[in-house]
Amino acid sequence: MMRCEKCGEDSVVKDSRHHLSKHNRASACEPGFIYRRRQCLKCGHKWSTVEMHVNRMDDYDLETERDRLKQRLKALRHHILELERITR
């Protein structure tokens, strides 16, 4: 269970979406992402999280995937901030 970033109480997942590779299919060498929308049980604060799941192979280049993840998260951060601004 994840704690609320505002008050520290427990939260629940309100929405969960899987995003696979850029080809929209599972691959042993590419990470997939889970976008989750969460809400605090106490104060009602809502926020989003991005979780990465990886099917590792012996020749899997984790450093390259970390760089890709950083680029995707940077683009996603802008998108999330715009969504939060619009929904206020």
N, C-alpha and C. Protein backbone atom coordinates (compact mmCIF):
# COMPACT_ATOMS: atom_id res chain seq x y z
N MET A 1 0.85 -1.17 0.00
CA MET A 1 0.00 0.00 0.00
C MET A 1 0.90 1.24 0.00
N MET A 2 0.52 2.23 -0.76
CA MET A 2 1.29 3.46 -0.85
C MET A 2 0.67 4.52 0.05
N ARG A 3 1.51 5.29 0.68
CA ARG A 3 1.07 6.36 1.59
C ARG A 3 0.80 7.65 0.82
N CYS A 4 -0.14 8.43 1.32
CA CYS A 4 -0.48 9.73 0.73
C CYS A 4 0.72 10.67 0.84
N GLU A 5 1.00 11.39 -0.22
CA GLU A 5 2.13 12.33 -0.21
C GLU A 5 1.80 13.61 0.55
N LYS A 6 0.53 13.83 0.88
CA LYS A 6 0.13 15.03 1.64
C LYS A 6 0.02 14.76 3.14
N CYS A 7 -0.72 13.69 3.51
CA CYS A 7 -0.97 13.46 4.94
C CYS A 7 -0.35 12.18 5.48
N GLY A 8 0.17 11.30 4.62
CA GLY A 8 0.84 10.10 5.07
C GLY A 8 -0.06 8.91 5.37
N GLU A 9 -1.35 9.03 5.13
CA GLU A 9 -2.27 7.92 5.37
C GLU A 9 -2.31 6.99 4.16
N ASP A 10 -2.99 5.84 4.32
CA ASP A 10 -3.09 4.86 3.24
C ASP A 10 -3.88 5.40 2.06
N SER A 11 -3.58 4.86 0.88
CA SER A 11 -4.28 5.26 -0.33
C SER A 11 -4.78 4.02 -1.06
N VAL A 12 -5.66 4.23 -2.03
CA VAL A 12 -6.17 3.15 -2.87
C VAL A 12 -5.92 3.51 -4.32
N VAL A 13 -5.83 2.48 -5.17
CA VAL A 13 -5.68 2.68 -6.61
C VAL A 13 -7.07 2.86 -7.20
N LYS A 14 -7.29 3.99 -7.88
CA LYS A 14 -8.59 4.27 -8.50
C LYS A 14 -8.61 3.82 -9.97
N ASP A 15 -7.44 3.87 -10.63
CA ASP A 15 -7.36 3.50 -12.03
C ASP A 15 -5.97 2.97 -12.30
N SER A 16 -5.86 1.94 -13.11
CA SER A 16 -4.57 1.34 -13.43
C SER A 16 -4.56 0.98 -14.91
N ARG A 17 -3.55 1.48 -15.62
CA ARG A 17 -3.45 1.20 -17.05
C ARG A 17 -2.05 0.70 -17.38
N HIS A 18 -2.01 -0.34 -18.16
CA HIS A 18 -0.73 -0.92 -18.59
C HIS A 18 -0.35 -0.32 -19.94
N HIS A 19 0.91 0.03 -20.07
CA HIS A 19 1.44 0.50 -21.33
C HIS A 19 2.66 -0.35 -21.62
N LEU A 20 2.63 -1.07 -22.73
CA LEU A 20 3.74 -1.96 -23.05
C LEU A 20 4.77 -1.21 -23.87
N SER A 21 5.49 -1.89 -24.68
CA SER A 21 6.55 -1.27 -25.46
C SER A 21 5.97 -0.32 -26.50
N LYS A 22 6.86 0.36 -27.22
CA LYS A 22 6.41 1.31 -28.25
C LYS A 22 5.64 0.62 -29.36
N HIS A 23 5.78 -0.71 -29.46
CA HIS A 23 5.05 -1.47 -30.47
C HIS A 23 3.74 -2.02 -29.92
N ASN A 24 3.42 -1.64 -28.67
CA ASN A 24 2.17 -2.03 -28.02
C ASN A 24 2.04 -3.54 -27.85
N ARG A 25 3.17 -4.20 -27.60
CA ARG A 25 3.16 -5.63 -27.35
C ARG A 25 4.25 -5.95 -26.34
N ALA A 26 4.08 -7.03 -25.65
CA ALA A 26 5.07 -7.42 -24.64
C ALA A 26 6.35 -7.88 -25.33
N SER A 27 7.46 -7.52 -24.74
CA SER A 27 8.75 -7.92 -25.28
C SER A 27 9.66 -8.28 -24.11
N ALA A 28 10.51 -9.27 -24.31
CA ALA A 28 11.40 -9.69 -23.23
C ALA A 28 12.50 -8.66 -22.97
N CYS A 29 12.76 -7.78 -23.92
CA CYS A 29 13.86 -6.82 -23.78
C CYS A 29 13.40 -5.40 -23.50
N GLU A 30 12.13 -5.13 -23.54
CA GLU A 30 11.67 -3.77 -23.31
C GLU A 30 10.77 -3.71 -22.08
N PRO A 31 10.90 -2.65 -21.32
CA PRO A 31 10.07 -2.54 -20.12
C PRO A 31 8.64 -2.15 -20.47
N GLY A 32 7.75 -2.49 -19.60
CA GLY A 32 6.39 -2.00 -19.70
C GLY A 32 6.14 -1.10 -18.51
N PHE A 33 5.13 -0.26 -18.63
CA PHE A 33 4.83 0.69 -17.57
C PHE A 33 3.40 0.49 -17.10
N ILE A 34 3.19 0.74 -15.83
CA ILE A 34 1.84 0.74 -15.27
C ILE A 34 1.60 2.14 -14.72
N TYR A 35 0.62 2.80 -15.29
CA TYR A 35 0.22 4.13 -14.81
C TYR A 35 -0.93 3.93 -13.83
N ARG A 36 -0.77 4.43 -12.62
CA ARG A 36 -1.81 4.27 -11.61
C ARG A 36 -2.28 5.63 -11.12
N ARG A 37 -3.58 5.76 -10.94
CA ARG A 37 -4.19 6.94 -10.35
C ARG A 37 -4.57 6.54 -8.94
N ARG A 38 -4.08 7.27 -7.94
CA ARG A 38 -4.30 6.92 -6.54
C ARG A 38 -5.07 8.01 -5.82
N GLN A 39 -5.73 7.60 -4.71
CA GLN A 39 -6.47 8.56 -3.89
C GLN A 39 -6.31 8.20 -2.42
N CYS A 40 -6.08 9.22 -1.60
CA CYS A 40 -5.92 9.04 -0.16
C CYS A 40 -7.27 8.70 0.46
N LEU A 41 -7.27 7.75 1.38
CA LEU A 41 -8.49 7.36 2.06
C LEU A 41 -8.94 8.40 3.09
N LYS A 42 -7.99 9.18 3.61
CA LYS A 42 -8.33 10.15 4.66
C LYS A 42 -8.66 11.53 4.08
N CYS A 43 -7.70 12.12 3.34
CA CYS A 43 -7.90 13.51 2.88
C CYS A 43 -8.44 13.63 1.46
N GLY A 44 -8.47 12.51 0.70
CA GLY A 44 -9.02 12.55 -0.65
C GLY A 44 -8.07 13.05 -1.72
N HIS A 45 -6.82 13.37 -1.36
CA HIS A 45 -5.83 13.86 -2.33
C HIS A 45 -5.62 12.81 -3.42
N LYS A 46 -5.52 13.25 -4.69
CA LYS A 46 -5.30 12.35 -5.82
C LYS A 46 -3.94 12.64 -6.45
N TRP A 47 -3.27 11.57 -6.90
CA TRP A 47 -2.01 11.72 -7.61
C TRP A 47 -1.78 10.51 -8.49
N SER A 48 -0.79 10.61 -9.36
CA SER A 48 -0.48 9.53 -10.29
C SER A 48 0.89 8.96 -9.99
N THR A 49 1.05 7.66 -10.27
CA THR A 49 2.35 7.02 -10.16
C THR A 49 2.61 6.26 -11.46
N VAL A 50 3.88 6.07 -11.75
CA VAL A 50 4.30 5.28 -12.90
C VAL A 50 5.22 4.19 -12.37
N GLU A 51 4.89 2.95 -12.68
CA GLU A 51 5.71 1.83 -12.23
C GLU A 51 6.24 1.10 -13.45
N MET A 52 7.49 0.70 -13.37
CA MET A 52 8.11 -0.01 -14.49
C MET A 52 8.28 -1.47 -14.14
N HIS A 53 7.89 -2.34 -15.06
CA HIS A 53 8.16 -3.76 -14.85
C HIS A 53 9.02 -4.25 -16.01
N VAL A 54 9.98 -5.09 -15.68
CA VAL A 54 10.98 -5.52 -16.66
C VAL A 54 11.09 -7.03 -16.65
N ASN A 55 11.12 -7.61 -17.82
CA ASN A 55 11.44 -9.03 -17.96
C ASN A 55 12.93 -9.07 -18.32
N ARG A 56 13.77 -9.43 -17.37
CA ARG A 56 15.21 -9.37 -17.59
C ARG A 56 15.73 -10.60 -18.33
N MET A 57 16.70 -10.34 -19.20
CA MET A 57 17.43 -11.40 -19.88
C MET A 57 18.91 -11.19 -19.58
N ASP A 58 19.73 -12.15 -19.89
CA ASP A 58 21.16 -12.05 -19.60
C ASP A 58 21.81 -10.84 -20.27
N ASP A 59 21.42 -10.54 -21.51
CA ASP A 59 22.05 -9.44 -22.24
C ASP A 59 21.26 -8.13 -22.13
N TYR A 60 20.38 -8.04 -21.18
CA TYR A 60 19.53 -6.86 -21.01
C TYR A 60 20.38 -5.68 -20.52
N ASP A 61 20.29 -4.56 -21.20
CA ASP A 61 21.08 -3.38 -20.86
C ASP A 61 20.26 -2.45 -19.98
N LEU A 62 20.40 -2.61 -18.67
CA LEU A 62 19.61 -1.85 -17.72
C LEU A 62 19.92 -0.36 -17.77
N GLU A 63 21.17 0.02 -18.01
CA GLU A 63 21.53 1.44 -18.08
C GLU A 63 20.80 2.13 -19.22
N THR A 64 20.73 1.49 -20.37
CA THR A 64 20.00 2.06 -21.52
C THR A 64 18.54 2.24 -21.17
N GLU A 65 17.95 1.26 -20.51
CA GLU A 65 16.55 1.35 -20.14
C GLU A 65 16.31 2.43 -19.10
N ARG A 66 17.26 2.64 -18.20
CA ARG A 66 17.13 3.73 -17.23
C ARG A 66 17.11 5.07 -17.94
N ASP A 67 17.97 5.24 -18.95
CA ASP A 67 17.97 6.48 -19.71
C ASP A 67 16.64 6.68 -20.44
N ARG A 68 16.13 5.62 -21.04
CA ARG A 68 14.83 5.70 -21.72
C ARG A 68 13.73 6.06 -20.73
N LEU A 69 13.77 5.44 -19.55
CA LEU A 69 12.76 5.71 -18.54
C LEU A 69 12.82 7.17 -18.10
N LYS A 70 14.02 7.71 -17.90
CA LYS A 70 14.15 9.11 -17.52
C LYS A 70 13.54 10.03 -18.57
N GLN A 71 13.77 9.73 -19.84
CA GLN A 71 13.20 10.54 -20.92
C GLN A 71 11.68 10.46 -20.92
N ARG A 72 11.16 9.25 -20.76
CA ARG A 72 9.70 9.08 -20.76
C ARG A 72 9.06 9.76 -19.55
N LEU A 73 9.70 9.66 -18.38
CA LEU A 73 9.16 10.29 -17.18
C LEU A 73 9.19 11.81 -17.29
N LYS A 74 10.21 12.36 -17.92
CA LYS A 74 10.28 13.80 -18.12
C LYS A 74 9.12 14.27 -18.98
N ALA A 75 8.83 13.54 -20.05
CA ALA A 75 7.70 13.89 -20.91
C ALA A 75 6.38 13.69 -20.18
N LEU A 76 6.30 12.62 -19.38
CA LEU A 76 5.07 12.33 -18.65
C LEU A 76 4.81 13.37 -17.57
N ARG A 77 5.86 13.86 -16.92
CA ARG A 77 5.71 14.86 -15.87
C ARG A 77 4.97 16.09 -16.41
N HIS A 78 5.37 16.53 -17.60
CA HIS A 78 4.70 17.69 -18.20
C HIS A 78 3.23 17.37 -18.46
N HIS A 79 2.95 16.17 -18.97
CA HIS A 79 1.58 15.76 -19.27
C HIS A 79 0.72 15.72 -18.00
N ILE A 80 1.25 15.15 -16.93
CA ILE A 80 0.51 15.05 -15.67
C ILE A 80 0.24 16.43 -15.08
N LEU A 81 1.24 17.31 -15.12
CA LEU A 81 1.04 18.66 -14.59
C LEU A 81 -0.05 19.40 -15.37
N GLU A 82 -0.07 19.22 -16.68
CA GLU A 82 -1.12 19.86 -17.48
C GLU A 82 -2.49 19.28 -17.14
N LEU A 83 -2.59 17.96 -16.96
CA LEU A 83 -3.86 17.34 -16.59
C LEU A 83 -4.35 17.84 -15.24
N GLU A 84 -3.44 17.96 -14.27
CA GLU A 84 -3.83 18.43 -12.95
C GLU A 84 -4.27 19.89 -13.01
N ARG A 85 -3.59 20.69 -13.83
CA ARG A 85 -3.96 22.10 -13.98
C ARG A 85 -5.35 22.22 -14.60
N ILE A 86 -5.65 21.38 -15.58
CA ILE A 86 -6.93 21.42 -16.26
C ILE A 86 -8.06 20.96 -15.34
N THR A 87 -7.80 19.93 -14.52
CA THR A 87 -8.87 19.36 -13.69
C THR A 87 -9.12 20.14 -12.40
N ARG A 88 -8.33 21.15 -12.13
CA ARG A 88 -8.56 21.94 -10.90
C ARG A 88 -9.73 22.84 -11.05
